[in-house]
Amino acid sequence: MLKWFRSKEDNNKEEPHPYIDAQDSSAEEPSSSENKKGFFARLKDRLTKTRETLITRVDRLVLGKKEIDDDLLDELEEILITSDLGVMTTQALIESVQQKVKRKELDDPERLKEYLQQEILHFLAVPKKDLDLSQQPFIILVIGVNGVGKTTTIGKLAQKFRSQGQKVLLVAGDTFRAAAGEQLEIWAGRSGAEIIRQKEGSDPSAVVFDALKAARSRAMDVVLIDTAGRLHTRVNLMEELKKIRRVIQKEIPEGPHLTWLILDATMGQNAISQARLFNEAMEIDGIILTKLDGTAKGGIIVGICNELKIPIEFIGIGEKVDDLQPFDPEEFVRALF
């Protein structure tokens, strides 16, 4: 799991989780446990379409069946693929079930859903990179194509970091998209974060360079860098991102400390393709999956974790700041099933 610290002198203090327990000092604010329960209820509700696509169809498949035969497995395979788990992940699940059936360890169709639940949870349990905010400034490079909610997600992260007392600097590195800088500036104002931006069309690497200088001089704790998001198939985008990373490493050799990719859950299998391409170019540490609310394609979470072995760091199920929460595999599977 991620390990969170405020600063070197605070490392020995027991801290709340900055994303689950974040709250102000108001007596009217709900407790962290209430927030977590509230998020689980919302997550369960937002996964309704995914649950209907996957779990409800599995329930119908096994209803009244006496054995797990080839016909049942063929239908199960179709359900898994059309639920956006992906061909590779589906094959892994089907082969695992076949082995269990062959060894007489799984023979009751009614237990099939329980076994799928266990296997999916196993796929989702990808180790996450530790995050130690005593490394200051802690640089998080955020990448992704246009339209996935990248800038908004950065704003929400800034607000959550700020709620824990971190000094946050936002970097408007997407100088190509009209209004990207203005959007990030609004989030800076909401959260109390500082921002470095230049005029539209400026060299993104130059913006990042100036931001890192500012981060050091202002003793910033966290630096969140927004980046351009033109089509992932364009070579120039990947080259621009690599250039930004080189600039970061020249100023802060151990940076960026984390590279997070934002994906849109509604894109289904195309999101996995995006993740694969970005990972080849940038070595992604984690993924934030947005727009999970209202989509029937939530199964891509399983495919991403299994195929790419990249952990899901956060999921977004709505527009509010509290609708962006750390991804908990057990909570997700429980809500899904």
C-alpha atoms as a PDB file:
ATOM      1  CA  MET A   1       0.000   0.000   0.000  1.00  0.00           C
ATOM      2  CA  LEU A   2       1.016   3.620  -0.396  1.00  0.00           C
ATOM      3  CA  LYS A   3       2.760   5.152   2.581  1.00  0.00           C
ATOM      4  CA  TRP A   4       1.989   8.801   3.207  1.00  0.00           C
ATOM      5  CA  PHE A   5       4.043  11.290   5.199  1.00  0.00           C
ATOM      6  CA  ARG A   6       3.812  15.052   5.579  1.00  0.00           C
ATOM      7  CA  SER A   7       7.444  15.902   6.095  1.00  0.00           C
ATOM      8  CA  LYS A   8      10.603  14.551   7.645  1.00  0.00           C
ATOM      9  CA  GLU A   9       9.853  15.956  11.099  1.00  0.00           C
ATOM     10  CA  ASP A  10       6.334  14.476  11.038  1.00  0.00           C
ATOM     11  CA  ASN A  11       7.344  10.952  10.015  1.00  0.00           C
ATOM     12  CA  ASN A  12       6.917   9.565  13.520  1.00  0.00           C
ATOM     13  CA  LYS A  13       3.369  10.834  13.870  1.00  0.00           C
ATOM     14  CA  GLU A  14       0.479   8.514  13.193  1.00  0.00           C
ATOM     15  CA  GLU A  15      -1.358  10.035  10.247  1.00  0.00           C
ATOM     16  CA  PRO A  16      -4.775   9.593   8.700  1.00  0.00           C
ATOM     17  CA  HIS A  17      -4.909   8.445   5.103  1.00  0.00           C
ATOM     18  CA  PRO A  18      -4.889  11.735   3.167  1.00  0.00           C
ATOM     19  CA  TYR A  19      -7.480  10.591   0.675  1.00  0.00           C
ATOM     20  CA  ILE A  20      -9.911   8.658   2.848  1.00  0.00           C
ATOM     21  CA  ASP A  21      -9.681  10.601   6.092  1.00  0.00           C
ATOM     22  CA  ALA A  22      -9.285  14.103   4.660  1.00  0.00           C
ATOM     23  CA  GLN A  23     -11.640  16.518   6.385  1.00  0.00           C
ATOM     24  CA  ASP A  24     -11.607  20.013   7.865  1.00  0.00           C
ATOM     25  CA  SER A  25     -12.007  20.874  11.500  1.00  0.00           C
ATOM     26  CA  SER A  26     -15.744  21.513  11.264  1.00  0.00           C
ATOM     27  CA  ALA A  27     -17.760  19.582  13.828  1.00  0.00           C
ATOM     28  CA  GLU A  28     -20.455  19.042  11.227  1.00  0.00           C
ATOM     29  CA  GLU A  29     -18.137  17.086   8.925  1.00  0.00           C
ATOM     30  CA  PRO A  30     -18.739  13.315   8.840  1.00  0.00           C
ATOM     31  CA  SER A  31     -16.090  11.015  10.271  1.00  0.00           C
ATOM     32  CA  SER A  32     -13.645   9.174   8.022  1.00  0.00           C
ATOM     33  CA  SER A  33     -15.513   5.903   8.594  1.00  0.00           C
ATOM     34  CA  GLU A  34     -18.759   7.587   7.562  1.00  0.00           C
ATOM     35  CA  ASN A  35     -17.052   9.020   4.479  1.00  0.00           C
ATOM     36  CA  LYS A  36     -15.756   5.570   3.573  1.00  0.00           C
ATOM     37  CA  LYS A  37     -19.182   3.991   4.036  1.00  0.00           C
ATOM     38  CA  GLY A  38     -20.684   6.756   1.949  1.00  0.00           C
ATOM     39  CA  PHE A  39     -18.160   6.214  -0.812  1.00  0.00           C
ATOM     40  CA  PHE A  40     -18.785   2.460  -0.831  1.00  0.00           C
ATOM     41  CA  ALA A  41     -22.530   3.049  -1.215  1.00  0.00           C
ATOM     42  CA  ARG A  42     -21.869   5.439  -4.107  1.00  0.00           C
ATOM     43  CA  LEU A  43     -19.376   3.017  -5.674  1.00  0.00           C
ATOM     44  CA  LYS A  44     -21.878   0.174  -5.474  1.00  0.00           C
ATOM     45  CA  ASP A  45     -24.486   2.380  -7.114  1.00  0.00           C
ATOM     46  CA  ARG A  46     -22.117   3.606  -9.856  1.00  0.00           C
ATOM     47  CA  LEU A  47     -21.116   0.018 -10.703  1.00  0.00           C
ATOM     48  CA  THR A  48     -24.726  -0.961 -11.454  1.00  0.00           C
ATOM     49  CA  LYS A  49     -24.226  -1.072 -15.238  1.00  0.00           C
ATOM     50  CA  THR A  50     -20.972  -3.027 -14.952  1.00  0.00           C
ATOM     51  CA  ARG A  51     -22.627  -5.411 -12.499  1.00  0.00           C
ATOM     52  CA  GLU A  52     -25.527  -5.970 -14.908  1.00  0.00           C
ATOM     53  CA  THR A  53     -23.098  -6.603 -17.774  1.00  0.00           C
ATOM     54  CA  LEU A  54     -21.003  -9.103 -15.842  1.00  0.00           C
ATOM     55  CA  ILE A  55     -22.373 -10.444 -12.566  1.00  0.00           C
ATOM     56  CA  THR A  56     -26.081 -10.563 -13.404  1.00  0.00           C
ATOM     57  CA  ARG A  57     -25.330 -12.448 -16.625  1.00  0.00           C
ATOM     58  CA  VAL A  58     -23.169 -14.954 -14.731  1.00  0.00           C
ATOM     59  CA  ASP A  59     -26.045 -15.463 -12.268  1.00  0.00           C
ATOM     60  CA  ARG A  60     -28.392 -16.212 -15.168  1.00  0.00           C
ATOM     61  CA  LEU A  61     -25.832 -18.516 -16.748  1.00  0.00           C
ATOM     62  CA  VAL A  62     -25.456 -20.801 -13.734  1.00  0.00           C
ATOM     63  CA  LEU A  63     -29.121 -20.724 -12.705  1.00  0.00           C
ATOM     64  CA  GLY A  64     -30.467 -24.277 -12.710  1.00  0.00           C
ATOM     65  CA  LYS A  65     -27.236 -25.756 -14.139  1.00  0.00           C
ATOM     66  CA  LYS A  66     -26.020 -29.048 -12.643  1.00  0.00           C
ATOM     67  CA  GLU A  67     -22.438 -29.080 -13.891  1.00  0.00           C
ATOM     68  CA  ILE A  68     -19.698 -26.922 -15.351  1.00  0.00           C
ATOM     69  CA  ASP A  69     -19.391 -28.247 -18.900  1.00  0.00           C
ATOM     70  CA  ASP A  70     -17.882 -26.939 -22.134  1.00  0.00           C
ATOM     71  CA  ASP A  71     -21.091 -25.192 -23.177  1.00  0.00           C
ATOM     72  CA  LEU A  72     -21.246 -23.299 -19.897  1.00  0.00           C
ATOM     73  CA  LEU A  73     -17.589 -22.291 -20.202  1.00  0.00           C
ATOM     74  CA  ASP A  74     -18.131 -21.086 -23.769  1.00  0.00           C
ATOM     75  CA  GLU A  75     -20.974 -18.862 -22.612  1.00  0.00           C
ATOM     76  CA  LEU A  76     -18.924 -17.663 -19.647  1.00  0.00           C
ATOM     77  CA  GLU A  77     -16.092 -16.732 -21.993  1.00  0.00           C
ATOM     78  CA  GLU A  78     -18.449 -14.620 -24.094  1.00  0.00           C
ATOM     79  CA  ILE A  79     -19.759 -12.850 -20.982  1.00  0.00           C
ATOM     80  CA  LEU A  80     -16.254 -12.013 -19.758  1.00  0.00           C
ATOM     81  CA  ILE A  81     -15.052 -10.699 -23.116  1.00  0.00           C
ATOM     82  CA  THR A  82     -18.150  -8.568 -23.688  1.00  0.00           C
ATOM     83  CA  SER A  83     -17.743  -7.209 -20.154  1.00  0.00           C
ATOM     84  CA  ASP A  84     -14.436  -5.624 -21.245  1.00  0.00           C
ATOM     85  CA  LEU A  85     -12.126  -7.840 -19.219  1.00  0.00           C
ATOM     86  CA  GLY A  86     -10.135  -8.382 -22.392  1.00  0.00           C
ATOM     87  CA  VAL A  87      -9.179 -11.538 -24.289  1.00  0.00           C
ATOM     88  CA  MET A  88      -5.999 -12.258 -22.318  1.00  0.00           C
ATOM     89  CA  THR A  89      -7.657 -11.901 -18.915  1.00  0.00           C
ATOM     90  CA  THR A  90     -10.699 -13.867 -20.040  1.00  0.00           C
ATOM     91  CA  GLN A  91      -8.510 -16.731 -21.243  1.00  0.00           C
ATOM     92  CA  ALA A  92      -6.644 -16.748 -17.945  1.00  0.00           C
ATOM     93  CA  LEU A  93      -9.911 -16.987 -16.010  1.00  0.00           C
ATOM     94  CA  ILE A  94     -11.370 -19.693 -18.239  1.00  0.00           C
ATOM     95  CA  GLU A  95      -8.178 -21.783 -18.078  1.00  0.00           C
ATOM     96  CA  SER A  96      -8.116 -21.428 -14.300  1.00  0.00           C
ATOM     97  CA  VAL A  97     -11.732 -22.626 -14.053  1.00  0.00           C
ATOM     98  CA  GLN A  98     -10.990 -25.543 -16.381  1.00  0.00           C
ATOM     99  CA  GLN A  99      -8.087 -26.641 -14.208  1.00  0.00           C
ATOM    100  CA  LYS A 100     -10.241 -26.456 -11.092  1.00  0.00           C
ATOM    101  CA  VAL A 101     -12.960 -28.509 -12.766  1.00  0.00           C
ATOM    102  CA  LYS A 102     -10.429 -31.053 -14.031  1.00  0.00           C
ATOM    103  CA  ARG A 103      -9.004 -31.510 -10.527  1.00  0.00           C
ATOM    104  CA  LYS A 104     -12.537 -31.870  -9.106  1.00  0.00           C
ATOM    105  CA  GLU A 105     -11.967 -28.764  -7.003  1.00  0.00           C
ATOM    106  CA  LEU A 106     -14.832 -26.912  -8.656  1.00  0.00           C
ATOM    107  CA  ASP A 107     -17.892 -28.793  -9.833  1.00  0.00           C
ATOM    108  CA  ASP A 108     -20.895 -26.815  -8.604  1.00  0.00           C
ATOM    109  CA  PRO A 109     -21.993 -24.025 -10.993  1.00  0.00           C
ATOM    110  CA  GLU A 110     -23.336 -22.120  -8.000  1.00  0.00           C
ATOM    111  CA  ARG A 111     -19.759 -21.765  -6.709  1.00  0.00           C
ATOM    112  CA  LEU A 112     -18.514 -20.397 -10.021  1.00  0.00           C
ATOM    113  CA  LYS A 113     -19.257 -16.768  -9.170  1.00  0.00           C
ATOM    114  CA  GLU A 114     -17.494 -17.119  -5.834  1.00  0.00           C
ATOM    115  CA  TYR A 115     -14.414 -18.490  -7.581  1.00  0.00           C
ATOM    116  CA  LEU A 116     -14.455 -15.699 -10.189  1.00  0.00           C
ATOM    117  CA  GLN A 117     -14.625 -13.191  -7.369  1.00  0.00           C
ATOM    118  CA  GLN A 118     -11.508 -14.660  -5.759  1.00  0.00           C
ATOM    119  CA  GLU A 119      -9.574 -14.731  -9.041  1.00  0.00           C
ATOM    120  CA  ILE A 120     -10.541 -11.179  -9.991  1.00  0.00           C
ATOM    121  CA  LEU A 121      -9.416  -9.967  -6.568  1.00  0.00           C
ATOM    122  CA  HIS A 122      -6.101 -11.760  -7.143  1.00  0.00           C
ATOM    123  CA  PHE A 123      -5.655  -9.990 -10.496  1.00  0.00           C
ATOM    124  CA  LEU A 124      -6.366  -6.593  -8.928  1.00  0.00           C
ATOM    125  CA  ALA A 125      -3.811  -6.992  -6.128  1.00  0.00           C
ATOM    126  CA  VAL A 126      -0.930  -5.343  -8.017  1.00  0.00           C
ATOM    127  CA  PRO A 127       1.700  -3.907  -5.625  1.00  0.00           C
ATOM    128  CA  LYS A 128       1.768  -0.128  -5.437  1.00  0.00           C
ATOM    129  CA  LYS A 129       4.858   2.020  -5.241  1.00  0.00           C
ATOM    130  CA  ASP A 130       5.464   3.558  -1.824  1.00  0.00           C
ATOM    131  CA  LEU A 131       4.960   7.306  -1.673  1.00  0.00           C
ATOM    132  CA  ASP A 132       7.068   9.182   0.853  1.00  0.00           C
ATOM    133  CA  LEU A 133       6.312  12.884   0.896  1.00  0.00           C
ATOM    134  CA  SER A 134       9.441  13.574   2.937  1.00  0.00           C
ATOM    135  CA  GLN A 135      11.168  13.699  -0.449  1.00  0.00           C
ATOM    136  CA  GLN A 136      10.595  17.371  -1.146  1.00  0.00           C
ATOM    137  CA  PRO A 137       9.577  18.604  -3.576  1.00  0.00           C
ATOM    138  CA  PHE A 138       7.754  15.391  -4.448  1.00  0.00           C
ATOM    139  CA  ILE A 139       7.134  15.410  -8.194  1.00  0.00           C
ATOM    140  CA  ILE A 140       4.078  13.724  -9.696  1.00  0.00           C
ATOM    141  CA  LEU A 141       3.906  13.769 -13.490  1.00  0.00           C
ATOM    142  CA  VAL A 142       0.339  13.326 -14.743  1.00  0.00           C
ATOM    143  CA  ILE A 143      -0.202  12.161 -18.318  1.00  0.00           C
ATOM    144  CA  GLY A 144      -3.115  11.081 -20.526  1.00  0.00           C
ATOM    145  CA  VAL A 145      -4.971  12.001 -23.691  1.00  0.00           C
ATOM    146  CA  ASN A 146      -7.364  14.924 -23.953  1.00  0.00           C
ATOM    147  CA  GLY A 147     -10.860  14.392 -22.637  1.00  0.00           C
ATOM    148  CA  VAL A 148     -10.119  11.875 -19.874  1.00  0.00           C
ATOM    149  CA  GLY A 149     -10.478  14.401 -17.050  1.00  0.00           C
ATOM    150  CA  LYS A 150      -6.758  14.912 -16.481  1.00  0.00           C
ATOM    151  CA  THR A 151      -6.765  18.561 -15.408  1.00  0.00           C
ATOM    152  CA  THR A 152      -9.841  18.117 -13.221  1.00  0.00           C
ATOM    153  CA  THR A 153      -8.281  15.082 -11.535  1.00  0.00           C
ATOM    154  CA  ILE A 154      -5.103  17.057 -10.837  1.00  0.00           C
ATOM    155  CA  GLY A 155      -7.245  19.748  -9.238  1.00  0.00           C
ATOM    156  CA  LYS A 156      -8.973  17.202  -7.011  1.00  0.00           C
ATOM    157  CA  LEU A 157      -5.632  15.704  -5.991  1.00  0.00           C
ATOM    158  CA  ALA A 158      -4.348  19.175  -5.151  1.00  0.00           C
ATOM    159  CA  GLN A 159      -7.359  19.828  -2.952  1.00  0.00           C
ATOM    160  CA  LYS A 160      -6.859  16.538  -1.118  1.00  0.00           C
ATOM    161  CA  PHE A 161      -3.150  17.146  -0.577  1.00  0.00           C
ATOM    162  CA  ARG A 162      -3.924  20.646   0.665  1.00  0.00           C
ATOM    163  CA  SER A 163      -6.476  19.279   3.126  1.00  0.00           C
ATOM    164  CA  GLN A 164      -3.572  17.468   4.776  1.00  0.00           C
ATOM    165  CA  GLY A 165      -1.507  20.597   5.098  1.00  0.00           C
ATOM    166  CA  GLN A 166       0.790  20.017   2.128  1.00  0.00           C
ATOM    167  CA  LYS A 167       2.173  22.955   0.179  1.00  0.00           C
ATOM    168  CA  VAL A 168       1.160  22.168  -3.391  1.00  0.00           C
ATOM    169  CA  LEU A 169       2.377  23.627  -6.660  1.00  0.00           C
ATOM    170  CA  LEU A 170       0.375  23.054  -9.833  1.00  0.00           C
ATOM    171  CA  VAL A 171       2.240  23.203 -13.139  1.00  0.00           C
ATOM    172  CA  ALA A 172       0.254  24.116 -16.258  1.00  0.00           C
ATOM    173  CA  GLY A 173       2.346  22.029 -18.647  1.00  0.00           C
ATOM    174  CA  ASP A 174      -0.493  21.588 -21.134  1.00  0.00           C
ATOM    175  CA  THR A 175       0.172  24.736 -23.137  1.00  0.00           C
ATOM    176  CA  PHE A 176      -1.473  23.428 -26.309  1.00  0.00           C
ATOM    177  CA  ARG A 177      -5.079  22.991 -25.210  1.00  0.00           C
ATOM    178  CA  ALA A 178      -7.068  26.192 -25.053  1.00  0.00           C
ATOM    179  CA  ALA A 179      -8.143  27.089 -21.509  1.00  0.00           C
ATOM    180  CA  ALA A 180      -6.143  24.254 -19.859  1.00  0.00           C
ATOM    181  CA  GLY A 181      -4.136  26.807 -17.884  1.00  0.00           C
ATOM    182  CA  GLU A 182      -7.252  28.743 -16.879  1.00  0.00           C
ATOM    183  CA  GLN A 183      -8.919  25.524 -15.721  1.00  0.00           C
ATOM    184  CA  LEU A 184      -5.932  24.601 -13.575  1.00  0.00           C
ATOM    185  CA  GLU A 185      -5.793  28.141 -12.174  1.00  0.00           C
ATOM    186  CA  ILE A 186      -9.394  27.821 -11.012  1.00  0.00           C
ATOM    187  CA  TRP A 187      -8.502  24.620  -9.158  1.00  0.00           C
ATOM    188  CA  ALA A 188      -5.484  26.347  -7.619  1.00  0.00           C
ATOM    189  CA  GLY A 189      -7.798  29.034  -6.309  1.00  0.00           C
ATOM    190  CA  ARG A 190     -10.233  26.488  -4.901  1.00  0.00           C
ATOM    191  CA  SER A 191      -7.591  24.444  -3.136  1.00  0.00           C
ATOM    192  CA  GLY A 192      -5.187  27.140  -2.035  1.00  0.00           C
ATOM    193  CA  ALA A 193      -2.411  25.638  -4.148  1.00  0.00           C
ATOM    194  CA  GLU A 194       0.096  27.772  -6.027  1.00  0.00           C
ATOM    195  CA  ILE A 195       0.441  27.581  -9.798  1.00  0.00           C
ATOM    196  CA  ILE A 196       3.089  28.144 -12.443  1.00  0.00           C
ATOM    197  CA  ARG A 197       1.831  28.835 -15.951  1.00  0.00           C
ATOM    198  CA  GLN A 198       2.911  30.659 -19.077  1.00  0.00           C
ATOM    199  CA  LYS A 199       1.078  31.868 -22.134  1.00  0.00           C
ATOM    200  CA  GLU A 200      -0.634  29.407 -24.458  1.00  0.00           C
ATOM    201  CA  GLY A 201       1.765  27.793 -26.921  1.00  0.00           C
ATOM    202  CA  SER A 202       4.808  28.070 -24.655  1.00  0.00           C
ATOM    203  CA  ASP A 203       7.339  25.257 -24.490  1.00  0.00           C
ATOM    204  CA  PRO A 204       5.981  22.812 -21.857  1.00  0.00           C
ATOM    205  CA  SER A 205       9.486  21.821 -20.808  1.00  0.00           C
ATOM    206  CA  ALA A 206      10.331  25.460 -20.110  1.00  0.00           C
ATOM    207  CA  VAL A 207       7.227  25.749 -17.928  1.00  0.00           C
ATOM    208  CA  VAL A 208       8.273  22.662 -15.983  1.00  0.00           C
ATOM    209  CA  PHE A 209      11.832  23.964 -15.613  1.00  0.00           C
ATOM    210  CA  ASP A 210      10.582  27.249 -14.139  1.00  0.00           C
ATOM    211  CA  ALA A 211       8.174  25.353 -11.880  1.00  0.00           C
ATOM    212  CA  LEU A 212      10.895  23.163 -10.391  1.00  0.00           C
ATOM    213  CA  LYS A 213      13.001  26.232  -9.622  1.00  0.00           C
ATOM    214  CA  ALA A 214       9.982  27.805  -7.946  1.00  0.00           C
ATOM    215  CA  ALA A 215       9.170  24.606  -6.039  1.00  0.00           C
ATOM    216  CA  ARG A 216      12.597  24.597  -4.451  1.00  0.00           C
ATOM    217  CA  SER A 217      12.688  28.289  -3.624  1.00  0.00           C
ATOM    218  CA  ARG A 218       9.184  28.165  -2.107  1.00  0.00           C
ATOM    219  CA  ALA A 219       9.799  24.889  -0.212  1.00  0.00           C
ATOM    220  CA  MET A 220       6.888  23.097  -1.847  1.00  0.00           C
ATOM    221  CA  ASP A 221       5.915  19.638  -0.626  1.00  0.00           C
ATOM    222  CA  VAL A 222       4.144  18.358  -3.733  1.00  0.00           C
ATOM    223  CA  VAL A 223       4.386  19.346  -7.390  1.00  0.00           C
ATOM    224  CA  LEU A 224       1.599  18.165  -9.701  1.00  0.00           C
ATOM    225  CA  ILE A 225       2.476  18.556 -13.383  1.00  0.00           C
ATOM    226  CA  ASP A 226      -0.285  18.710 -15.981  1.00  0.00           C
ATOM    227  CA  THR A 227       0.787  17.708 -19.499  1.00  0.00           C
ATOM    228  CA  ALA A 228      -0.552  17.870 -23.027  1.00  0.00           C
ATOM    229  CA  GLY A 229      -2.922  15.138 -24.144  1.00  0.00           C
ATOM    230  CA  ARG A 230      -3.032  15.040 -27.901  1.00  0.00           C
ATOM    231  CA  LEU A 231      -3.721  11.660 -29.497  1.00  0.00           C
ATOM    232  CA  HIS A 232      -1.580   8.920 -27.996  1.00  0.00           C
ATOM    233  CA  THR A 233      -0.797   7.573 -31.479  1.00  0.00           C
ATOM    234  CA  ARG A 234       1.153  10.731 -32.347  1.00  0.00           C
ATOM    235  CA  VAL A 235       4.874  10.328 -31.857  1.00  0.00           C
ATOM    236  CA  ASN A 236       5.339  14.006 -31.004  1.00  0.00           C
ATOM    237  CA  LEU A 237       3.258  13.690 -27.830  1.00  0.00           C
ATOM    238  CA  MET A 238       5.440  10.882 -26.478  1.00  0.00           C
ATOM    239  CA  GLU A 239       8.588  12.767 -27.403  1.00  0.00           C
ATOM    240  CA  GLU A 240       7.305  15.874 -25.625  1.00  0.00           C
ATOM    241  CA  LEU A 241       6.588  13.832 -22.485  1.00  0.00           C
ATOM    242  CA  LYS A 242      10.070  12.279 -22.609  1.00  0.00           C
ATOM    243  CA  LYS A 243      11.565  15.749 -22.922  1.00  0.00           C
ATOM    244  CA  ILE A 244       9.654  16.902 -19.847  1.00  0.00           C
ATOM    245  CA  ARG A 245      10.930  13.909 -17.912  1.00  0.00           C
ATOM    246  CA  ARG A 246      14.516  14.683 -18.938  1.00  0.00           C
ATOM    247  CA  VAL A 247      14.129  18.270 -17.734  1.00  0.00           C
ATOM    248  CA  ILE A 248      12.794  17.002 -14.402  1.00  0.00           C
ATOM    249  CA  GLN A 249      15.633  14.531 -13.976  1.00  0.00           C
ATOM    250  CA  LYS A 250      18.229  17.169 -14.759  1.00  0.00           C
ATOM    251  CA  GLU A 251      16.924  19.358 -11.947  1.00  0.00           C
ATOM    252  CA  ILE A 252      15.845  16.574  -9.575  1.00  0.00           C
ATOM    253  CA  PRO A 253      17.678  13.335 -10.498  1.00  0.00           C
ATOM    254  CA  GLU A 254      15.274  11.085  -8.601  1.00  0.00           C
ATOM    255  CA  GLY A 255      12.233  12.693 -10.230  1.00  0.00           C
ATOM    256  CA  PRO A 256       9.576  12.361 -11.280  1.00  0.00           C
ATOM    257  CA  HIS A 257       8.862  10.361  -8.152  1.00  0.00           C
ATOM    258  CA  LEU A 258       5.637   9.088  -9.672  1.00  0.00           C
ATOM    259  CA  THR A 259       4.162   9.065 -13.173  1.00  0.00           C
ATOM    260  CA  TRP A 260       0.400   8.620 -13.139  1.00  0.00           C
ATOM    261  CA  LEU A 261      -1.716   7.944 -16.217  1.00  0.00           C
ATOM    262  CA  ILE A 262      -5.338   9.127 -16.353  1.00  0.00           C
ATOM    263  CA  LEU A 263      -7.727   6.842 -18.242  1.00  0.00           C
ATOM    264  CA  ASP A 264     -11.409   7.199 -19.097  1.00  0.00           C
ATOM    265  CA  ALA A 265     -13.318   4.079 -18.009  1.00  0.00           C
ATOM    266  CA  THR A 266     -15.935   4.583 -20.717  1.00  0.00           C
ATOM    267  CA  MET A 267     -13.321   3.859 -23.409  1.00  0.00           C
ATOM    268  CA  GLY A 268     -13.201   0.147 -22.587  1.00  0.00           C
ATOM    269  CA  GLN A 269     -10.498  -1.805 -24.387  1.00  0.00           C
ATOM    270  CA  ASN A 270      -9.118   1.332 -26.007  1.00  0.00           C
ATOM    271  CA  ALA A 271      -8.098   2.475 -22.524  1.00  0.00           C
ATOM    272  CA  ILE A 272      -5.914  -0.621 -22.170  1.00  0.00           C
ATOM    273  CA  SER A 273      -4.307   0.154 -25.535  1.00  0.00           C
ATOM    274  CA  GLN A 274      -3.596   3.695 -24.361  1.00  0.00           C
ATOM    275  CA  ALA A 275      -2.068   2.407 -21.135  1.00  0.00           C
ATOM    276  CA  ARG A 276       0.170   0.014 -23.018  1.00  0.00           C
ATOM    277  CA  LEU A 277       1.480   2.731 -25.356  1.00  0.00           C
ATOM    278  CA  PHE A 278       2.060   5.272 -22.608  1.00  0.00           C
ATOM    279  CA  ASN A 279       3.755   2.663 -20.441  1.00  0.00           C
ATOM    280  CA  GLU A 280       6.189   1.772 -23.224  1.00  0.00           C
ATOM    281  CA  ALA A 281       7.202   5.407 -23.492  1.00  0.00           C
ATOM    282  CA  MET A 282       7.022   6.604 -19.879  1.00  0.00           C
ATOM    283  CA  GLU A 283       7.129   3.673 -17.415  1.00  0.00           C
ATOM    284  CA  ILE A 284       3.851   4.335 -15.615  1.00  0.00           C
ATOM    285  CA  ASP A 285       3.755   3.872 -11.835  1.00  0.00           C
ATOM    286  CA  GLY A 286      -0.003   3.941 -11.461  1.00  0.00           C
ATOM    287  CA  ILE A 287      -3.315   4.619 -13.154  1.00  0.00           C
ATOM    288  CA  ILE A 288      -6.226   6.835 -12.174  1.00  0.00           C
ATOM    289  CA  LEU A 289      -9.466   5.658 -13.748  1.00  0.00           C
ATOM    290  CA  THR A 290     -12.074   8.379 -14.209  1.00  0.00           C
ATOM    291  CA  LYS A 291     -15.749   8.345 -15.216  1.00  0.00           C
ATOM    292  CA  LEU A 292     -16.419   4.948 -13.689  1.00  0.00           C
ATOM    293  CA  ASP A 293     -19.909   6.170 -12.852  1.00  0.00           C
ATOM    294  CA  GLY A 294     -22.522   5.263 -15.421  1.00  0.00           C
ATOM    295  CA  THR A 295     -20.354   2.995 -17.582  1.00  0.00           C
ATOM    296  CA  ALA A 296     -20.795  -0.715 -18.246  1.00  0.00           C
ATOM    297  CA  LYS A 297     -17.074  -1.014 -18.990  1.00  0.00           C
ATOM    298  CA  GLY A 298     -15.746  -1.192 -15.420  1.00  0.00           C
ATOM    299  CA  GLY A 299     -14.314  -4.608 -16.242  1.00  0.00           C
ATOM    300  CA  ILE A 300     -11.309  -2.928 -17.848  1.00  0.00           C
ATOM    301  CA  ILE A 301      -9.897  -2.449 -14.339  1.00  0.00           C
ATOM    302  CA  VAL A 302      -9.332  -6.205 -14.194  1.00  0.00           C
ATOM    303  CA  GLY A 303      -7.784  -6.287 -17.657  1.00  0.00           C
ATOM    304  CA  ILE A 304      -5.421  -3.398 -16.927  1.00  0.00           C
ATOM    305  CA  CYS A 305      -4.112  -4.909 -13.711  1.00  0.00           C
ATOM    306  CA  ASN A 306      -3.756  -8.411 -15.132  1.00  0.00           C
ATOM    307  CA  GLU A 307      -2.282  -7.581 -18.535  1.00  0.00           C
ATOM    308  CA  LEU A 308      -0.067  -4.621 -17.701  1.00  0.00           C
ATOM    309  CA  LYS A 309       0.641  -5.272 -13.996  1.00  0.00           C
ATOM    310  CA  ILE A 310       0.118  -1.561 -13.335  1.00  0.00           C
ATOM    311  CA  PRO A 311      -1.795  -0.734 -10.140  1.00  0.00           C
ATOM    312  CA  ILE A 312      -4.945   1.358 -10.100  1.00  0.00           C
ATOM    313  CA  GLU A 313      -4.217   4.211  -7.690  1.00  0.00           C
ATOM    314  CA  PHE A 314      -7.528   6.072  -7.708  1.00  0.00           C
ATOM    315  CA  ILE A 315     -10.986   5.760  -9.200  1.00  0.00           C
ATOM    316  CA  GLY A 316     -13.388   8.579  -9.989  1.00  0.00           C
ATOM    317  CA  ILE A 317     -17.117   8.012  -9.725  1.00  0.00           C
ATOM    318  CA  GLY A 318     -18.426  11.565 -10.006  1.00  0.00           C
ATOM    319  CA  GLU A 319     -17.685  15.272 -10.141  1.00  0.00           C
ATOM    320  CA  LYS A 320     -17.152  15.981  -6.432  1.00  0.00           C
ATOM    321  CA  VAL A 321     -13.729  15.931  -4.797  1.00  0.00           C
ATOM    322  CA  ASP A 322     -14.839  13.067  -2.536  1.00  0.00           C
ATOM    323  CA  ASP A 323     -15.818  11.072  -5.626  1.00  0.00           C
ATOM    324  CA  LEU A 324     -12.110  10.558  -6.328  1.00  0.00           C
ATOM    325  CA  GLN A 325     -10.820   7.944  -3.885  1.00  0.00           C
ATOM    326  CA  PRO A 326      -7.914   5.504  -3.589  1.00  0.00           C
ATOM    327  CA  PHE A 327      -8.619   2.213  -5.314  1.00  0.00           C
ATOM    328  CA  ASP A 328      -9.217  -0.590  -2.832  1.00  0.00           C
ATOM    329  CA  PRO A 329      -9.376  -3.970  -4.666  1.00  0.00           C
ATOM    330  CA  GLU A 330     -11.398  -5.671  -1.921  1.00  0.00           C
ATOM    331  CA  GLU A 331     -13.876  -2.805  -1.724  1.00  0.00           C
ATOM    332  CA  PHE A 332     -14.225  -2.717  -5.503  1.00  0.00           C
ATOM    333  CA  VAL A 333     -14.865  -6.465  -5.802  1.00  0.00           C
ATOM    334  CA  ARG A 334     -17.308  -6.368  -2.914  1.00  0.00           C
ATOM    335  CA  ALA A 335     -19.214  -3.523  -4.574  1.00  0.00           C
ATOM    336  CA  LEU A 336     -19.157  -5.273  -7.932  1.00  0.00           C
ATOM    337  CA  PHE A 337     -20.383  -8.648  -6.675  1.00  0.00           C
END
